[in-house]
Each structure stands twice: as structure tokens, then as C-alpha cells.
């Protein structure tokens, strides 16, 4: 486990070196946060308590979305492009023969990336939003660690989805199309565009049951106190269940791909 802790720390340091990009990202997240915040204010003025949120909670949803946009890689931009390129060029064969688990290696690196983005690109926009708008901040200290645990589980689910997409390059050869489809699905079904509670009927039920809801909708509802007691446990079980299922699927594809590489190499 020490190896993967080092890999995670390396992932954090890797993204920390791009200071100008981080500053630009904070600026971009803040600008879009203000645009979405005023859009939400106009919408909630017409429909108070829409989706079960008051205006303050809706604004909090906006700024948490900006904080988690890069943390949970809702628009991609993590390890998947590099992994797809290594598969395309055949360099993945070297990775598979290394005395380290491929999936755990990339998971550790992605957790380091997520930790940096949460601190580097998430905290500042959230603080700026809190200075300008009346946000619904938690009244209990324990809500914060509960929220961070939900964010962690969401990042693992996000990694598992993107790992599956990257593994598809063994058969598709070019994973660009699959990555684009995953990005669009993530933006829509995570609740980034609109809270999933606003989706009507069957669409809303399906959207909330899909793994992408773990990336944003569930952590935000934990932050807003929508999940408490056994409801909080159920939220964690939902996220952890999707994480285990998707990681297991990724492990299966990794095993099949490894055998394919061994056969072709032999």
C-alpha cells in the first residue's frame, strides 16, 4: 500500500505544478458559478422550493457543483487520455508486466489528482460564492466529514467509469468517441446541468439510480442534510455498491486484456 500512497502523492504534486492553469481554472469556475447562480435565482424566484430546495440550497448546489467539477472529473481530463494512448501505442504491455496492479496504480494517481483539484480549484470558488450569496452551510461539524466521505466515494465511482472507458480502447483502438460519450453522460446524469430531483417521472428515477449521480447529486444532498441517519448510510451503500461493481467490471476487462497481450506477445 505504501507504493500506491507514493503514487497518489505524485499525482497530487503533478497537478500542483500547473499553477497558471490552476489559477485560470479557479477564474473559469467562479465565472460560470456566477452565471449559473443568477440563472438559478431567476428560476427559483418563479418556482420556489423547486426540487425540494429553497433558494439558498439551490445556490449552494451551484457552487458545490463548481467545486466538484474537476474533483470528480465530470468533464474528463484525468488519466483516461494517457491510458488510452498507452493502449493505442502498445506501451501498456510494459505496464501490465510491472510488479504493480494496473487498476490500483491509476486509481491512486487519480485520487491524488482529485485531492489537488478539491483544494486547488474547489475551495476558492466556494468561498467566493459564500461571500456574495447566502449559501446553506452545514450547522453541524459532522456534516463536513460526512460530505468528504461521499466525495471520496464519488471520485472512486468516477474513476471506475473512466477506467472502463479507457479499457475499451483494447477493442476500439481509439477511445476518443467513448470518452466523449462518457463525458456527456456524466454532465447530464450527475446533476451538473440541473439537480436530478428536477427530472420528471421515470427519467428522474433512472437518473438517480445511475452511477453518475454518485459524482455530484449524492454528495451535495449529504452536504445539504438531505441524507441523515439511515438515509446517510443508504447513500454511502449506493455509492460504494456502484464503486465495487464498476471496479469489478474494470478488473474483468483488465484480466481479459492482459491475457490478450500475453497471447499476442507470445
Protein backbone atom coordinates (compact mmCIF):
# COMPACT_ATOMS: atom_id res chain seq x y z
CA UNK A 1 0.00 0.00 0.00
CA UNK A 2 2.98 2.30 0.54
CA UNK A 3 3.67 2.19 -3.20
CA UNK A 4 0.17 3.42 -4.04
CA UNK A 5 0.37 6.14 -1.37
CA UNK A 6 3.52 7.38 -3.11
CA UNK A 7 1.74 7.26 -6.47
CA UNK A 8 -1.17 9.27 -5.04
CA UNK A 9 1.23 11.87 -3.63
CA UNK A 10 2.92 12.01 -7.03
CA UNK A 11 -0.44 12.60 -8.70
CA UNK A 12 -1.10 15.49 -6.32
CA UNK A 13 2.32 17.06 -6.99
CA UNK A 14 1.95 16.58 -10.73
CA UNK A 15 -1.15 18.76 -10.94
CA UNK A 16 0.18 21.20 -8.34
CA UNK A 17 2.95 22.20 -10.74
CA UNK A 18 0.46 23.77 -13.19
CA UNK A 19 -0.10 26.96 -11.19
CA UNK A 20 -1.18 29.15 -14.08
CA UNK A 21 -3.67 26.52 -15.26
CA UNK A 22 -5.00 26.23 -11.71
CA UNK A 23 -5.48 29.99 -11.42
CA UNK A 24 -7.24 30.03 -14.80
CA UNK A 25 -9.42 27.15 -13.66
CA UNK A 26 -10.42 28.95 -10.47
CA UNK A 27 -11.33 32.02 -12.51
CA UNK A 28 -13.36 29.95 -15.00
CA UNK A 29 -15.20 28.03 -12.28
CA UNK A 30 -16.00 31.28 -10.48
CA UNK A 31 -17.34 32.99 -13.62
CA UNK A 32 -19.53 30.04 -14.54
CA UNK A 33 -20.60 29.80 -10.90
CA UNK A 34 -21.90 33.38 -11.01
CA UNK A 35 -23.67 32.78 -14.33
CA UNK A 36 -25.39 29.65 -13.03
CA UNK A 37 -26.14 31.24 -9.65
CA UNK A 38 -28.08 34.14 -11.19
CA UNK A 39 -29.83 31.72 -13.54
CA UNK A 40 -30.89 29.62 -10.56
CA UNK A 41 -32.06 32.73 -8.68
CA UNK A 42 -34.32 33.65 -11.60
CA UNK A 43 -35.65 30.10 -11.80
CA UNK A 44 -36.28 29.77 -8.06
CA UNK A 45 -37.99 33.18 -7.95
CA UNK A 46 -40.58 31.74 -10.30
CA UNK A 47 -40.68 28.26 -8.73
CA UNK A 48 -39.83 28.45 -5.02
CA UNK A 49 -38.89 25.11 -3.39
CA UNK A 50 -38.26 23.59 -6.81
CA UNK A 51 -36.89 20.07 -6.44
CA UNK A 52 -37.20 20.32 -2.66
CA UNK A 53 -34.54 23.05 -2.42
CA UNK A 54 -35.02 26.61 -1.26
CA UNK A 55 -33.07 29.39 -2.99
CA UNK A 56 -30.18 29.21 -0.55
CA UNK A 57 -29.84 25.45 -1.02
CA UNK A 58 -30.08 25.81 -4.80
CA UNK A 59 -27.24 28.34 -4.77
CA UNK A 60 -25.20 26.03 -2.58
CA UNK A 61 -25.81 23.30 -5.15
CA UNK A 62 -24.37 25.57 -7.86
CA UNK A 63 -21.15 26.33 -6.01
CA UNK A 64 -20.61 22.77 -4.85
CA UNK A 65 -21.03 21.75 -8.48
CA UNK A 66 -18.22 24.12 -9.46
CA UNK A 67 -16.07 22.76 -6.62
CA UNK A 68 -16.61 19.15 -7.70
CA UNK A 69 -16.48 19.70 -11.47
CA UNK A 70 -12.79 18.86 -11.75
CA UNK A 71 -12.58 16.92 -8.49
CA UNK A 72 -14.90 14.24 -9.86
CA UNK A 73 -13.69 14.82 -13.45
CA UNK A 74 -17.22 15.43 -14.70
CA UNK A 75 -15.77 16.70 -17.97
CA UNK A 76 -12.94 14.17 -18.11
CA UNK A 77 -9.40 15.44 -18.05
CA UNK A 78 -7.98 12.77 -15.78
CA UNK A 79 -5.84 9.74 -16.53
CA UNK A 80 -8.00 8.23 -19.27
CA UNK A 81 -6.44 10.04 -22.23
CA UNK A 82 -2.96 8.93 -21.19
CA UNK A 83 -4.07 5.35 -20.60
CA UNK A 84 -5.87 5.17 -23.96
CA UNK A 85 -2.73 6.47 -25.68
CA UNK A 86 -0.60 3.81 -23.97
CA UNK A 87 -3.04 1.14 -25.13
CA UNK A 88 -3.03 2.51 -28.68
CA UNK A 89 0.76 2.59 -28.93
CA UNK A 90 1.28 -0.75 -27.20
CA UNK A 91 3.18 0.77 -24.26
CA UNK A 92 0.53 -0.75 -21.99
CA UNK A 93 2.34 -4.08 -22.33
CA UNK A 94 5.17 -2.69 -20.19
CA UNK A 95 2.65 -1.56 -17.55
CA UNK A 96 1.00 -4.97 -17.40
CA UNK A 97 4.32 -6.71 -16.74
CA UNK A 98 5.25 -4.39 -13.89
CA UNK A 99 5.03 -5.72 -10.29
CA UNK A 100 2.15 -3.35 -9.53
CA UNK A 101 -1.56 -3.64 -10.12
CA UNK A 102 -2.58 -1.55 -13.13
CA UNK A 103 -6.00 -0.57 -11.78
CA UNK A 104 -4.75 0.33 -8.31
CA UNK A 105 -1.86 2.32 -9.80
CA UNK A 106 -4.17 4.53 -11.86
CA UNK A 107 -6.71 4.77 -9.02
CA UNK A 108 -4.03 6.05 -6.64
CA UNK A 109 -2.85 8.61 -9.19
CA UNK A 110 -6.42 9.75 -9.81
CA UNK A 111 -7.10 10.14 -6.08
CA UNK A 112 -4.06 12.41 -5.88
CA UNK A 113 -5.39 14.43 -8.82
CA UNK A 114 -8.84 14.70 -7.21
CA UNK A 115 -7.38 15.82 -3.87
CA UNK A 116 -5.47 18.61 -5.56
CA UNK A 117 -8.46 19.82 -7.58
CA UNK A 118 -10.69 19.80 -4.50
CA UNK A 119 -8.21 22.03 -2.65
CA UNK A 120 -6.77 23.95 -5.58
CA UNK A 121 -9.85 24.56 -7.70
CA UNK A 122 -12.73 23.77 -5.36
CA UNK A 123 -12.22 25.75 -2.17
CA UNK A 124 -11.63 29.20 -3.71
CA UNK A 125 -14.80 29.35 -5.88
CA UNK A 126 -16.87 28.01 -2.98
CA UNK A 127 -15.50 30.70 -0.63
CA UNK A 128 -16.11 33.44 -3.20
CA UNK A 129 -19.65 32.20 -3.71
CA UNK A 130 -20.25 32.20 0.05
CA UNK A 131 -19.07 35.82 0.25
CA UNK A 132 -21.56 37.00 -2.39
CA UNK A 133 -24.55 34.71 -1.89
CA UNK A 134 -26.42 33.35 1.11
CA UNK A 135 -25.35 29.70 0.98
CA UNK A 136 -26.82 26.92 3.13
CA UNK A 137 -23.68 25.91 5.01
CA UNK A 138 -23.88 22.96 7.43
CA UNK A 139 -24.83 23.71 11.00
CA UNK A 140 -23.12 20.60 12.34
CA UNK A 141 -19.38 19.91 12.24
CA UNK A 142 -20.01 16.23 11.43
CA UNK A 143 -21.65 17.14 8.14
CA UNK A 144 -18.24 18.11 6.75
CA UNK A 145 -16.53 14.69 7.19
CA UNK A 146 -19.76 13.01 6.02
CA UNK A 147 -19.63 15.16 2.89
CA UNK A 148 -15.93 14.45 2.27
CA UNK A 149 -16.52 10.71 2.56
CA UNK A 150 -19.31 10.97 0.00
CA UNK A 151 -16.99 12.98 -2.29
CA UNK A 152 -14.32 10.29 -1.93
CA UNK A 153 -16.78 7.55 -2.89
CA UNK A 154 -17.95 9.68 -5.82
CA UNK A 155 -14.38 10.09 -7.06
CA UNK A 156 -13.86 6.32 -6.91
CA UNK A 157 -17.06 5.78 -8.93
CA UNK A 158 -15.87 8.40 -11.42
CA UNK A 159 -12.52 6.64 -11.73
CA UNK A 160 -14.20 3.26 -12.22
CA UNK A 161 -16.36 4.61 -15.06
CA UNK A 162 -13.42 6.28 -16.79
CA UNK A 163 -11.25 3.18 -16.32
CA UNK A 164 -13.87 1.09 -18.10
CA UNK A 165 -13.97 3.63 -20.91
CA UNK A 166 -10.17 3.58 -21.20
CA UNK A 167 -10.08 -0.24 -21.21
CA UNK A 168 -12.47 -0.25 -24.16
CA UNK A 169 -9.55 1.04 -26.27
CA UNK A 170 -8.20 -2.53 -26.33
CA UNK A 171 -11.08 -3.33 -28.68
CA UNK A 172 -11.99 0.06 -30.15
CA UNK A 173 -8.35 1.12 -30.74
CA UNK A 174 -9.42 4.78 -30.50
CA UNK A 175 -11.18 5.67 -27.26
CA UNK A 176 -11.99 9.29 -28.17
CA UNK A 177 -15.62 8.54 -29.04
CA UNK A 178 -16.21 6.51 -25.90
CA UNK A 179 -14.65 9.26 -23.76
CA UNK A 180 -16.87 11.92 -25.35
CA UNK A 181 -20.00 9.83 -24.72
CA UNK A 182 -18.96 9.22 -21.11
CA UNK A 183 -18.33 12.95 -20.60
CA UNK A 184 -21.77 13.91 -21.93
CA UNK A 185 -23.46 11.23 -19.83
CA UNK A 186 -21.53 12.39 -16.77
CA UNK A 187 -22.54 16.03 -17.20
CA UNK A 188 -26.21 15.17 -17.69
CA UNK A 189 -26.75 12.31 -15.24
CA UNK A 190 -24.54 13.64 -12.43
CA UNK A 191 -26.84 16.64 -11.95
CA UNK A 192 -24.27 19.17 -13.14
CA UNK A 193 -26.68 20.88 -15.52
CA UNK A 194 -29.72 20.66 -13.22
CA UNK A 195 -30.36 18.78 -9.97
CA UNK A 196 -31.66 15.30 -10.71
CA UNK A 197 -34.58 16.00 -8.35
CA UNK A 198 -35.95 18.27 -11.08
CA UNK A 199 -36.08 15.48 -13.67
CA UNK A 200 -39.69 14.33 -14.15
CA UNK A 201 -41.14 10.86 -13.62
CA UNK A 202 -39.26 7.81 -14.87
CA UNK A 203 -36.36 9.89 -16.20
CA UNK A 204 -35.68 11.22 -12.73
CA UNK A 205 -35.86 7.78 -11.13
CA UNK A 206 -33.49 6.29 -13.70
CA UNK A 207 -31.07 9.23 -13.46
CA UNK A 208 -30.88 8.99 -9.68
CA UNK A 209 -30.25 5.22 -9.91
CA UNK A 210 -27.36 5.51 -12.36
CA UNK A 211 -23.75 5.65 -11.07
CA UNK A 212 -23.19 9.24 -12.26
CA UNK A 213 -25.49 10.54 -9.52
CA UNK A 214 -22.78 9.48 -7.05
CA UNK A 215 -20.45 12.10 -8.50
CA UNK A 216 -22.43 15.23 -7.60
CA UNK A 217 -26.08 14.78 -6.64
CA UNK A 218 -25.43 12.46 -3.69
CA UNK A 219 -22.51 14.44 -2.17
CA UNK A 220 -24.44 17.71 -2.48
CA UNK A 221 -27.51 16.22 -0.78
CA UNK A 222 -25.25 14.95 2.02
CA UNK A 223 -23.85 18.48 2.41
CA UNK A 224 -27.35 19.95 2.47
CA UNK A 225 -28.52 17.48 5.11
CA UNK A 226 -30.92 15.63 2.82
CA UNK A 227 -29.39 12.32 3.93
CA UNK A 228 -29.26 11.74 7.68
CA UNK A 229 -29.27 8.67 9.91
CA UNK A 230 -30.04 5.53 7.96
CA UNK A 231 -30.62 7.67 4.89
CA UNK A 232 -26.95 8.65 5.01
CA UNK A 233 -25.94 5.01 5.34
CA UNK A 234 -28.09 4.15 2.33
CA UNK A 235 -26.42 6.93 0.34
CA UNK A 236 -23.00 5.51 1.18
CA UNK A 237 -24.11 1.98 0.33
CA UNK A 238 -25.42 3.23 -3.02
CA UNK A 239 -22.10 4.88 -3.86
CA UNK A 240 -19.96 2.03 -2.54
CA UNK A 241 -22.09 -0.53 -4.38
CA UNK A 242 -21.58 1.20 -7.71
CA UNK A 243 -17.86 1.62 -6.96
CA UNK A 244 -17.40 -2.09 -6.27
CA UNK A 245 -19.48 -3.16 -9.26
CA UNK A 246 -17.68 -0.88 -11.70
CA UNK A 247 -14.23 -1.63 -10.28
CA UNK A 248 -15.03 -5.31 -10.61
CA UNK A 249 -16.05 -4.82 -14.24
CA UNK A 250 -12.83 -2.91 -14.86
CA UNK A 251 -10.84 -5.70 -13.21
CA UNK A 252 -12.51 -8.22 -15.51
CA UNK A 253 -11.64 -6.22 -18.62
CA UNK A 254 -8.10 -5.79 -17.33
CA UNK A 255 -7.75 -9.56 -16.92
CA UNK A 256 -9.06 -10.22 -20.43
CA UNK A 257 -6.80 -7.54 -21.86
CA UNK A 258 -3.76 -8.94 -20.03
CA UNK A 259 -4.36 -12.39 -21.48
CA UNK A 260 -4.73 -10.86 -24.91
CA UNK A 261 -1.41 -9.03 -24.58
CA UNK A 262 0.33 -12.18 -23.30
CA UNK A 263 -1.02 -14.26 -26.20
CA UNK A 264 -0.03 -11.67 -28.79
CA UNK A 265 3.36 -11.20 -27.14
CA UNK A 266 3.96 -14.94 -27.12
